[in-house]
Amino acid sequence: MEFTKMQGLGNDYVYVNCLDGMPENPSELAKKISDRHFGVGSDGLILICPSDIADFQMVMYNADGSISEMCGNGIRCVGKYVHDKGLTDKTTVTVETLAGVKTLELHLREDGTVKTVTVD
């Protein structure tokens, strides 16, 4: 499984591109991958999935395997991930979460990578 670990203001998550399919049992995966001694170590697992109502969907699991509605720091990293990995070239991106659809504004560096992200 390919993943990316990112942090936003100290919240660190493991991100997985799930546009082509979901991993098996993501709740258990979140617990294993988040373990700071035997896993990657993180506050949780964020899956970037397709959405019928937004550009992307963010499915977020806490380190204990429970599902979470949203995280501001986590979703900002989703914005950087989808742009810098070439999944979108938009600078305004919508993301479906359990807390509703959020609009992200991506602010780019001169080299075209994301420098900062603001969320509505």
Protein backbone atom coordinates (compact mmCIF):
# COMPACT_ATOMS: atom_id res chain seq x y z
CA MET A 1 0.00 0.00 0.00
CA GLU A 2 1.32 3.41 -0.96
CA PHE A 3 0.80 6.22 1.53
CA THR A 4 1.99 9.71 2.36
CA LYS A 5 2.49 11.02 5.87
CA MET A 6 1.81 14.74 6.29
CA GLN A 7 1.35 17.10 9.18
CA GLY A 8 -0.53 20.35 9.54
CA LEU A 9 0.21 22.44 12.63
CA GLY A 10 1.28 19.33 14.52
CA ASN A 11 -1.59 17.01 13.54
CA ASP A 12 0.01 14.18 11.58
CA TYR A 13 -1.96 11.78 9.44
CA VAL A 14 -1.30 8.99 6.97
CA TYR A 15 -2.95 9.74 3.61
CA VAL A 16 -3.98 7.10 1.08
CA ASN A 17 -5.26 7.73 -2.44
CA CYS A 18 -8.43 5.62 -2.66
CA LEU A 19 -9.73 6.98 -5.95
CA ASP A 20 -9.39 3.49 -7.46
CA GLY A 21 -10.51 1.47 -4.43
CA MET A 22 -10.66 1.29 -0.66
CA PRO A 23 -8.33 -0.71 1.57
CA GLU A 24 -9.82 -3.63 3.48
CA ASN A 25 -11.08 -2.81 6.98
CA PRO A 26 -9.91 0.82 7.20
CA SER A 27 -10.77 1.05 10.90
CA GLU A 28 -8.29 -1.72 11.79
CA LEU A 29 -5.77 -0.30 9.32
CA ALA A 30 -5.99 3.07 11.08
CA LYS A 31 -5.18 1.47 14.43
CA LYS A 32 -2.21 -0.46 13.07
CA ILE A 33 -0.73 2.28 10.93
CA SER A 34 -1.17 4.94 13.64
CA ASP A 35 0.76 3.01 16.31
CA ARG A 36 3.79 5.14 17.12
CA HIS A 37 5.93 2.14 18.16
CA PHE A 38 5.06 -0.56 15.62
CA GLY A 39 3.31 1.39 12.83
CA VAL A 40 4.02 4.53 10.88
CA GLY A 41 2.84 6.63 13.81
CA SER A 42 0.09 9.19 13.33
CA ASP A 43 -3.03 10.81 14.74
CA GLY A 44 -5.02 8.77 12.24
CA LEU A 45 -5.68 7.71 8.68
CA ILE A 46 -7.21 9.90 5.98
CA LEU A 47 -8.54 8.26 2.83
CA ILE A 48 -8.96 10.41 -0.27
CA CYS A 49 -11.93 8.99 -2.16
CA PRO A 50 -14.19 9.85 -5.09
CA SER A 51 -17.33 11.87 -4.37
CA ASP A 52 -20.65 12.32 -6.14
CA ILE A 53 -21.14 15.81 -4.68
CA ALA A 54 -17.63 17.33 -4.49
CA ASP A 55 -14.24 17.08 -6.16
CA PHE A 56 -13.06 14.57 -3.54
CA GLN A 57 -14.23 12.90 -0.36
CA MET A 58 -12.17 12.78 2.84
CA VAL A 59 -12.82 9.72 5.01
CA MET A 60 -11.03 10.12 8.31
CA TYR A 61 -10.22 7.56 10.99
CA ASN A 62 -8.72 8.40 14.37
CA ALA A 63 -5.78 6.41 15.75
CA ASP A 64 -8.21 4.30 17.81
CA GLY A 65 -10.07 3.24 14.66
CA SER A 66 -13.13 5.42 15.22
CA ILE A 67 -14.41 7.50 12.32
CA SER A 68 -14.17 11.27 12.57
CA GLU A 69 -16.24 13.98 10.91
CA MET A 70 -13.49 16.40 9.98
CA CYS A 71 -10.16 17.95 10.96
CA GLY A 72 -9.13 21.40 9.76
CA ASN A 73 -5.44 20.57 9.74
CA GLY A 74 -6.10 17.23 8.05
CA ILE A 75 -8.25 18.67 5.27
CA ARG A 76 -5.68 21.35 4.47
CA CYS A 77 -3.18 18.55 3.85
CA VAL A 78 -5.77 16.87 1.59
CA GLY A 79 -5.75 20.05 -0.51
CA LYS A 80 -1.97 20.01 -0.83
CA TYR A 81 -1.98 16.26 -1.54
CA VAL A 82 -4.54 16.31 -4.36
CA HIS A 83 -2.88 19.26 -6.09
CA ASP A 84 0.78 18.35 -5.65
CA LYS A 85 0.15 14.69 -6.62
CA GLY A 86 -1.54 15.86 -9.85
CA LEU A 87 -5.06 14.69 -8.96
CA THR A 88 -6.38 18.18 -9.75
CA ASP A 89 -5.08 21.40 -11.21
CA LYS A 90 -7.78 23.50 -9.54
CA THR A 91 -6.93 26.09 -6.91
CA THR A 92 -10.45 25.98 -5.47
CA VAL A 93 -11.31 22.43 -4.46
CA THR A 94 -14.41 21.01 -2.76
CA VAL A 95 -14.10 18.11 -0.34
CA GLU A 96 -16.98 16.04 1.01
CA THR A 97 -16.67 15.23 4.74
CA LEU A 98 -19.05 13.90 7.37
CA ALA A 99 -19.31 17.54 8.49
CA GLY A 100 -20.49 18.63 5.02
CA VAL A 101 -18.79 19.83 1.86
CA LYS A 102 -15.86 22.14 2.55
CA THR A 103 -14.28 24.54 0.07
CA LEU A 104 -10.50 24.78 0.04
CA GLU A 105 -8.52 27.63 -1.47
CA LEU A 106 -5.05 26.53 -2.52
CA HIS A 107 -2.32 29.19 -2.53
CA LEU A 108 0.58 28.24 -4.79
CA ARG A 109 4.31 28.91 -4.74
CA GLU A 110 6.06 30.17 -7.84
CA ASP A 111 6.98 26.57 -8.74
CA GLY A 112 3.28 25.59 -8.78
CA THR A 113 3.24 23.55 -5.56
CA VAL A 114 0.84 24.35 -2.74
CA LYS A 115 2.24 26.70 -0.12
CA THR A 116 -0.85 27.17 2.06
CA VAL A 117 -4.49 26.11 2.10
CA THR A 118 -7.46 27.91 3.62
CA VAL A 119 -10.77 26.17 4.38
CA ASP A 120 -14.21 27.77 4.62
